[in-house]
Amino acid sequence: MSAGVPPSSSPLLAEVTERLSKVEQDELDAVNRFLKKLEMLRLRRSIGQAVDEAYAADLMSNVDESIREFRERHPYR
C-alpha cells in the first residue's frame, strides 16, 4: 500500500483510521513512535540495498582512497 491512499480505497486502512480516531493521546503517541520506527527500518533496509547494489556495480571501489585523500587535504584540527 502506498502512502497517500485515501482510507476509502482500502478496507484495512479505513478500519485502522477509524480505530486511531478513538484512541487516547498517549496511545496515539505510542502508535506514532511505532510508525516512525517502522519508517526508520524501511529506510535502513533501502539504504542497505543501495549500498549492496553500488558494491556489486563496483561503484564503491574508490571510496576508501577518496576518503584518505580528502583527509590528507583537510586534516582534522
PDB file of N, CA and C in Angstrom:
ATOM      1  N   MET A   1       0.844  -1.169   0.000  1.00  0.00           N
ATOM      2  CA  MET A   1       0.000   0.000   0.000  1.00  0.00           C
ATOM      3  C   MET A   1       0.889   1.230   0.000  1.00  0.00           C
ATOM      4  N   SER A   2       0.644   2.129  -0.878  1.00  0.00           N
ATOM      5  CA  SER A   2       1.468   3.331  -0.957  1.00  0.00           C
ATOM      6  C   SER A   2       0.901   4.422  -0.060  1.00  0.00           C
ATOM      7  N   ALA A   3       1.766   5.343   0.285  1.00  0.00           N
ATOM      8  CA  ALA A   3       1.343   6.460   1.136  1.00  0.00           C
ATOM      9  C   ALA A   3       0.390   7.358   0.368  1.00  0.00           C
ATOM     10  N   GLY A   4      -0.495   7.997   1.074  1.00  0.00           N
ATOM     11  CA  GLY A   4      -1.405   8.932   0.446  1.00  0.00           C
ATOM     12  C   GLY A   4      -2.658   8.294  -0.122  1.00  0.00           C
ATOM     13  N   VAL A   5      -2.865   7.021   0.130  1.00  0.00           N
ATOM     14  CA  VAL A   5      -4.063   6.345  -0.365  1.00  0.00           C
ATOM     15  C   VAL A   5      -5.231   6.722   0.535  1.00  0.00           C
ATOM     16  N   PRO A   6      -6.317   7.216  -0.035  1.00  0.00           N
ATOM     17  CA  PRO A   6      -7.458   7.589   0.800  1.00  0.00           C
ATOM     18  C   PRO A   6      -8.013   6.375   1.550  1.00  0.00           C
ATOM     19  N   PRO A   7      -8.467   6.564   2.798  1.00  0.00           N
ATOM     20  CA  PRO A   7      -8.972   5.436   3.581  1.00  0.00           C
ATOM     21  C   PRO A   7     -10.073   4.653   2.886  1.00  0.00           C
ATOM     22  N   SER A   8     -10.878   5.310   2.072  1.00  0.00           N
ATOM     23  CA  SER A   8     -11.992   4.621   1.421  1.00  0.00           C
ATOM     24  C   SER A   8     -11.534   3.611   0.381  1.00  0.00           C
ATOM     25  N   SER A   9     -10.281   3.703  -0.068  1.00  0.00           N
ATOM     26  CA  SER A   9      -9.810   2.794  -1.113  1.00  0.00           C
ATOM     27  C   SER A   9      -9.318   1.468  -0.557  1.00  0.00           C
ATOM     28  N   SER A  10      -9.161   1.347   0.763  1.00  0.00           N
ATOM     29  CA  SER A  10      -8.695   0.120   1.373  1.00  0.00           C
ATOM     30  C   SER A  10      -9.500  -0.147   2.637  1.00  0.00           C
ATOM     31  N   PRO A  11     -10.170  -1.296   2.698  1.00  0.00           N
ATOM     32  CA  PRO A  11     -10.937  -1.599   3.915  1.00  0.00           C
ATOM     33  C   PRO A  11     -10.061  -1.626   5.171  1.00  0.00           C
ATOM     34  N   LEU A  12      -8.855  -2.175   5.066  1.00  0.00           N
ATOM     35  CA  LEU A  12      -7.973  -2.236   6.229  1.00  0.00           C
ATOM     36  C   LEU A  12      -7.548  -0.841   6.664  1.00  0.00           C
ATOM     37  N   LEU A  13      -7.185   0.004   5.709  1.00  0.00           N
ATOM     38  CA  LEU A  13      -6.780   1.366   6.046  1.00  0.00           C
ATOM     39  C   LEU A  13      -7.947   2.132   6.662  1.00  0.00           C
ATOM     40  N   ALA A  14      -9.138   1.920   6.144  1.00  0.00           N
ATOM     41  CA  ALA A  14     -10.322   2.578   6.706  1.00  0.00           C
ATOM     42  C   ALA A  14     -10.554   2.115   8.140  1.00  0.00           C
ATOM     43  N   GLU A  15     -10.368   0.820   8.401  1.00  0.00           N
ATOM     44  CA  GLU A  15     -10.546   0.292   9.751  1.00  0.00           C
ATOM     45  C   GLU A  15      -9.505   0.872  10.702  1.00  0.00           C
ATOM     46  N   VAL A  16      -8.253   0.904  10.283  1.00  0.00           N
ATOM     47  CA  VAL A  16      -7.187   1.437  11.131  1.00  0.00           C
ATOM     48  C   VAL A  16      -7.426   2.927  11.399  1.00  0.00           C
ATOM     49  N   THR A  17      -7.807   3.654  10.379  1.00  0.00           N
ATOM     50  CA  THR A  17      -8.084   5.084  10.547  1.00  0.00           C
ATOM     51  C   THR A  17      -9.207   5.306  11.554  1.00  0.00           C
ATOM     52  N   GLU A  18     -10.246   4.512  11.446  1.00  0.00           N
ATOM     53  CA  GLU A  18     -11.370   4.613  12.373  1.00  0.00           C
ATOM     54  C   GLU A  18     -10.927   4.312  13.804  1.00  0.00           C
ATOM     55  N   ARG A  19     -10.134   3.268  13.972  1.00  0.00           N
ATOM     56  CA  ARG A  19      -9.673   2.892  15.308  1.00  0.00           C
ATOM     57  C   ARG A  19      -8.752   3.965  15.892  1.00  0.00           C
ATOM     58  N   LEU A  20      -7.887   4.550  15.053  1.00  0.00           N
ATOM     59  CA  LEU A  20      -6.977   5.590  15.533  1.00  0.00           C
ATOM     60  C   LEU A  20      -7.735   6.838  15.981  1.00  0.00           C
ATOM     61  N   SER A  21      -8.869   7.099  15.367  1.00  0.00           N
ATOM     62  CA  SER A  21      -9.639   8.289  15.732  1.00  0.00           C
ATOM     63  C   SER A  21     -10.236   8.167  17.133  1.00  0.00           C
ATOM     64  N   LYS A  22     -10.207   6.969  17.701  1.00  0.00           N
ATOM     65  CA  LYS A  22     -10.826   6.742  19.008  1.00  0.00           C
ATOM     66  C   LYS A  22      -9.823   6.536  20.139  1.00  0.00           C
ATOM     67  N   VAL A  23      -8.518   6.553  19.860  1.00  0.00           N
ATOM     68  CA  VAL A  23      -7.536   6.285  20.909  1.00  0.00           C
ATOM     69  C   VAL A  23      -7.202   7.554  21.683  1.00  0.00           C
ATOM     70  N   GLU A  24      -6.700   7.340  22.898  1.00  0.00           N
ATOM     71  CA  GLU A  24      -6.271   8.445  23.748  1.00  0.00           C
ATOM     72  C   GLU A  24      -4.943   9.004  23.231  1.00  0.00           C
ATOM     73  N   GLN A  25      -4.609  10.207  23.669  1.00  0.00           N
ATOM     74  CA  GLN A  25      -3.399  10.881  23.198  1.00  0.00           C
ATOM     75  C   GLN A  25      -2.141  10.064  23.475  1.00  0.00           C
ATOM     76  N   ASP A  26      -2.014   9.491  24.673  1.00  0.00           N
ATOM     77  CA  ASP A  26      -0.807   8.736  24.999  1.00  0.00           C
ATOM     78  C   ASP A  26      -0.691   7.486  24.124  1.00  0.00           C
ATOM     79  N   GLU A  27      -1.826   6.873  23.801  1.00  0.00           N
ATOM     80  CA  GLU A  27      -1.817   5.718  22.902  1.00  0.00           C
ATOM     81  C   GLU A  27      -1.444   6.151  21.486  1.00  0.00           C
ATOM     82  N   LEU A  28      -1.953   7.302  21.081  1.00  0.00           N
ATOM     83  CA  LEU A  28      -1.629   7.825  19.752  1.00  0.00           C
ATOM     84  C   LEU A  28      -0.142   8.155  19.661  1.00  0.00           C
ATOM     85  N   ASP A  29       0.428   8.674  20.733  1.00  0.00           N
ATOM     86  CA  ASP A  29       1.871   8.944  20.765  1.00  0.00           C
ATOM     87  C   ASP A  29       2.659   7.645  20.584  1.00  0.00           C
ATOM     88  N   ALA A  30       2.207   6.574  21.245  1.00  0.00           N
ATOM     89  CA  ALA A  30       2.883   5.280  21.124  1.00  0.00           C
ATOM     90  C   ALA A  30       2.774   4.744  19.692  1.00  0.00           C
ATOM     91  N   VAL A  31       1.627   4.894  19.077  1.00  0.00           N
ATOM     92  CA  VAL A  31       1.443   4.448  17.694  1.00  0.00           C
ATOM     93  C   VAL A  31       2.350   5.256  16.774  1.00  0.00           C
ATOM     94  N   ASN A  32       2.440   6.545  17.018  1.00  0.00           N
ATOM     95  CA  ASN A  32       3.297   7.399  16.201  1.00  0.00           C
ATOM     96  C   ASN A  32       4.759   6.991  16.318  1.00  0.00           C
ATOM     97  N   ARG A  33       5.218   6.694  17.541  1.00  0.00           N
ATOM     98  CA  ARG A  33       6.602   6.235  17.737  1.00  0.00           C
ATOM     99  C   ARG A  33       6.841   4.922  16.994  1.00  0.00           C
ATOM    100  N   PHE A  34       5.879   4.011  17.060  1.00  0.00           N
ATOM    101  CA  PHE A  34       5.997   2.736  16.352  1.00  0.00           C
ATOM    102  C   PHE A  34       6.104   2.964  14.842  1.00  0.00           C
ATOM    103  N   LEU A  35       5.258   3.834  14.307  1.00  0.00           N
ATOM    104  CA  LEU A  35       5.295   4.097  12.861  1.00  0.00           C
ATOM    105  C   LEU A  35       6.610   4.748  12.445  1.00  0.00           C
ATOM    106  N   LYS A  36       7.160   5.608  13.297  1.00  0.00           N
ATOM    107  CA  LYS A  36       8.459   6.217  12.999  1.00  0.00           C
ATOM    108  C   LYS A  36       9.563   5.158  12.978  1.00  0.00           C
ATOM    109  N   LYS A  37       9.503   4.207  13.929  1.00  0.00           N
ATOM    110  CA  LYS A  37      10.493   3.126  13.943  1.00  0.00           C
ATOM    111  C   LYS A  37      10.358   2.259  12.703  1.00  0.00           C
ATOM    112  N   LEU A  38       9.127   1.984  12.307  1.00  0.00           N
ATOM    113  CA  LEU A  38       8.888   1.205  11.097  1.00  0.00           C
ATOM    114  C   LEU A  38       9.460   1.922   9.875  1.00  0.00           C
ATOM    115  N   GLU A  39       9.240   3.211   9.797  1.00  0.00           N
ATOM    116  CA  GLU A  39       9.775   4.011   8.695  1.00  0.00           C
ATOM    117  C   GLU A  39      11.298   4.007   8.700  1.00  0.00           C
ATOM    118  N   MET A  40      11.903   4.105   9.889  1.00  0.00           N
ATOM    119  CA  MET A  40      13.356   4.075  10.004  1.00  0.00           C
ATOM    120  C   MET A  40      13.909   2.734   9.518  1.00  0.00           C
ATOM    121  N   LEU A  41      13.272   1.634   9.923  1.00  0.00           N
ATOM    122  CA  LEU A  41      13.722   0.310   9.483  1.00  0.00           C
ATOM    123  C   LEU A  41      13.608   0.163   7.974  1.00  0.00           C
ATOM    124  N   ARG A  42      12.525   0.675   7.412  1.00  0.00           N
ATOM    125  CA  ARG A  42      12.332   0.619   5.963  1.00  0.00           C
ATOM    126  C   ARG A  42      13.412   1.429   5.247  1.00  0.00           C
ATOM    127  N   LEU A  43      13.730   2.597   5.778  1.00  0.00           N
ATOM    128  CA  LEU A  43      14.773   3.440   5.193  1.00  0.00           C
ATOM    129  C   LEU A  43      16.137   2.771   5.306  1.00  0.00           C
ATOM    130  N   ARG A  44      16.419   2.180   6.469  1.00  0.00           N
ATOM    131  CA  ARG A  44      17.698   1.494   6.662  1.00  0.00           C
ATOM    132  C   ARG A  44      17.840   0.336   5.672  1.00  0.00           C
ATOM    133  N   ARG A  45      16.763  -0.407   5.472  1.00  0.00           N
ATOM    134  CA  ARG A  45      16.787  -1.516   4.516  1.00  0.00           C
ATOM    135  C   ARG A  45      17.042  -0.991   3.090  1.00  0.00           C
ATOM    136  N   SER A  46      16.400   0.103   2.750  1.00  0.00           N
ATOM    137  CA  SER A  46      16.573   0.697   1.427  1.00  0.00           C
ATOM    138  C   SER A  46      18.012   1.173   1.216  1.00  0.00           C
ATOM    139  N   ILE A  47      18.587   1.816   2.224  1.00  0.00           N
ATOM    140  CA  ILE A  47      19.971   2.282   2.131  1.00  0.00           C
ATOM    141  C   ILE A  47      20.908   1.083   2.000  1.00  0.00           C
ATOM    142  N   GLY A  48      20.661   0.045   2.780  1.00  0.00           N
ATOM    143  CA  GLY A  48      21.489  -1.162   2.701  1.00  0.00           C
ATOM    144  C   GLY A  48      21.455  -1.790   1.315  1.00  0.00           C
ATOM    145  N   GLN A  49      20.275  -1.839   0.734  1.00  0.00           N
ATOM    146  CA  GLN A  49      20.156  -2.389  -0.616  1.00  0.00           C
ATOM    147  C   GLN A  49      20.902  -1.528  -1.629  1.00  0.00           C
ATOM    148  N   ALA A  50      20.812  -0.207  -1.472  1.00  0.00           N
ATOM    149  CA  ALA A  50      21.503   0.690  -2.393  1.00  0.00           C
ATOM    150  C   ALA A  50      23.016   0.527  -2.281  1.00  0.00           C
ATOM    151  N   VAL A  51      23.515   0.371  -1.064  1.00  0.00           N
ATOM    152  CA  VAL A  51      24.957   0.175  -0.863  1.00  0.00           C
ATOM    153  C   VAL A  51      25.383  -1.161  -1.470  1.00  0.00           C
ATOM    154  N   ASP A  52      24.588  -2.205  -1.242  1.00  0.00           N
ATOM    155  CA  ASP A  52      24.897  -3.509  -1.826  1.00  0.00           C
ATOM    156  C   ASP A  52      24.953  -3.428  -3.350  1.00  0.00           C
ATOM    157  N   GLU A  53      24.002  -2.727  -3.935  1.00  0.00           N
ATOM    158  CA  GLU A  53      23.982  -2.573  -5.395  1.00  0.00           C
ATOM    159  C   GLU A  53      25.187  -1.776  -5.882  1.00  0.00           C
ATOM    160  N   ALA A  54      25.590  -0.759  -5.126  1.00  0.00           N
ATOM    161  CA  ALA A  54      26.757   0.041  -5.501  1.00  0.00           C
ATOM    162  C   ALA A  54      28.030  -0.799  -5.449  1.00  0.00           C
ATOM    163  N   TYR A  55      28.157  -1.646  -4.416  1.00  0.00           N
ATOM    164  CA  TYR A  55      29.311  -2.545  -4.354  1.00  0.00           C
ATOM    165  C   TYR A  55      29.289  -3.523  -5.526  1.00  0.00           C
ATOM    166  N   ALA A  56      28.121  -4.075  -5.830  1.00  0.00           N
ATOM    167  CA  ALA A  56      28.003  -5.036  -6.928  1.00  0.00           C
ATOM    168  C   ALA A  56      28.365  -4.401  -8.267  1.00  0.00           C
ATOM    169  N   ALA A  57      28.069  -3.120  -8.410  1.00  0.00           N
ATOM    170  CA  ALA A  57      28.377  -2.404  -9.649  1.00  0.00           C
ATOM    171  C   ALA A  57      29.781  -1.804  -9.622  1.00  0.00           C
ATOM    172  N   ASP A  58      30.567  -2.141  -8.583  1.00  0.00           N
ATOM    173  CA  ASP A  58      31.937  -1.648  -8.396  1.00  0.00           C
ATOM    174  C   ASP A  58      31.999  -0.122  -8.315  1.00  0.00           C
ATOM    175  N   LEU A  59      30.958   0.468  -7.755  1.00  0.00           N
ATOM    176  CA  LEU A  59      30.939   1.919  -7.593  1.00  0.00           C
ATOM    177  C   LEU A  59      31.589   2.362  -6.280  1.00  0.00           C
ATOM    178  N   MET A  60      31.881   1.413  -5.417  1.00  0.00           N
ATOM    179  CA  MET A  60      32.431   1.748  -4.106  1.00  0.00           C
ATOM    180  C   MET A  60      33.933   1.492  -4.024  1.00  0.00           C
ATOM    181  N   SER A  61      34.542   1.053  -5.088  1.00  0.00           N
ATOM    182  CA  SER A  61      35.945   0.648  -5.041  1.00  0.00           C
ATOM    183  C   SER A  61      36.893   1.781  -4.693  1.00  0.00           C
ATOM    184  N   ASN A  62      36.552   2.998  -5.022  1.00  0.00           N
ATOM    185  CA  ASN A  62      37.454   4.123  -4.753  1.00  0.00           C
ATOM    186  C   ASN A  62      37.088   4.911  -3.506  1.00  0.00           C
ATOM    187  N   VAL A  63      36.116   4.447  -2.741  1.00  0.00           N
ATOM    188  CA  VAL A  63      35.660   5.212  -1.590  1.00  0.00           C
ATOM    189  C   VAL A  63      36.758   5.366  -0.546  1.00  0.00           C
ATOM    190  N   ASP A  64      37.406   4.264  -0.155  1.00  0.00           N
ATOM    191  CA  ASP A  64      38.455   4.358   0.866  1.00  0.00           C
ATOM    192  C   ASP A  64      39.573   5.291   0.422  1.00  0.00           C
ATOM    193  N   GLU A  65      39.980   5.165  -0.821  1.00  0.00           N
ATOM    194  CA  GLU A  65      41.044   6.023  -1.342  1.00  0.00           C
ATOM    195  C   GLU A  65      40.601   7.481  -1.364  1.00  0.00           C
ATOM    196  N   SER A  66      39.376   7.740  -1.761  1.00  0.00           N
ATOM    197  CA  SER A  66      38.864   9.109  -1.802  1.00  0.00           C
ATOM    198  C   SER A  66      38.812   9.718  -0.409  1.00  0.00           C
ATOM    199  N   ILE A  67      38.384   8.928   0.581  1.00  0.00           N
ATOM    200  CA  ILE A  67      38.338   9.421   1.952  1.00  0.00           C
ATOM    201  C   ILE A  67      39.738   9.741   2.447  1.00  0.00           C
ATOM    202  N   ARG A  68      40.677   8.869   2.160  1.00  0.00           N
ATOM    203  CA  ARG A  68      42.062   9.080   2.591  1.00  0.00           C
ATOM    204  C   ARG A  68      42.620  10.367   1.963  1.00  0.00           C
ATOM    205  N   GLU A  69      42.390  10.555   0.672  1.00  0.00           N
ATOM    206  CA  GLU A  69      42.881  11.765   0.002  1.00  0.00           C
ATOM    207  C   GLU A  69      42.235  13.017   0.580  1.00  0.00           C
ATOM    208  N   PHE A  70      40.936  12.949   0.845  1.00  0.00           N
ATOM    209  CA  PHE A  70      40.239  14.099   1.414  1.00  0.00           C
ATOM    210  C   PHE A  70      40.821  14.455   2.779  1.00  0.00           C
ATOM    211  N   ARG A  71      41.058  13.446   3.610  1.00  0.00           N
ATOM    212  CA  ARG A  71      41.601  13.695   4.947  1.00  0.00           C
ATOM    213  C   ARG A  71      43.014  14.257   4.893  1.00  0.00           C
ATOM    214  N   GLU A  72      43.785  13.843   3.894  1.00  0.00           N
ATOM    215  CA  GLU A  72      45.130  14.407   3.736  1.00  0.00           C
ATOM    216  C   GLU A  72      45.052  15.878   3.363  1.00  0.00           C
ATOM    217  N   ARG A  73      44.098  16.242   2.520  1.00  0.00           N
ATOM    218  CA  ARG A  73      43.946  17.635   2.105  1.00  0.00           C
ATOM    219  C   ARG A  73      43.282  18.494   3.180  1.00  0.00           C
ATOM    220  N   HIS A  74      42.446  17.871   4.029  1.00  0.00           N
ATOM    221  CA  HIS A  74      41.687  18.593   5.060  1.00  0.00           C
ATOM    222  C   HIS A  74      41.874  17.883   6.402  1.00  0.00           C
ATOM    223  N   PRO A  75      43.053  18.022   6.998  1.00  0.00           N
ATOM    224  CA  PRO A  75      43.308  17.320   8.275  1.00  0.00           C
ATOM    225  C   PRO A  75      42.410  17.862   9.392  1.00  0.00           C
ATOM    226  N   TYR A  76      42.114  16.968  10.323  1.00  0.00           N
ATOM    227  CA  TYR A  76      41.349  17.368  11.497  1.00  0.00           C
ATOM    228  C   TYR A  76      42.194  18.325  12.321  1.00  0.00           C
ATOM    229  N   ARG A  77      41.566  19.290  12.915  1.00  0.00           N
ATOM    230  CA  ARG A  77      42.297  20.263  13.726  1.00  0.00           C
ATOM    231  C   ARG A  77      42.054  20.042  15.177  1.00  0.00           C
TER     232      ARG A  77
END
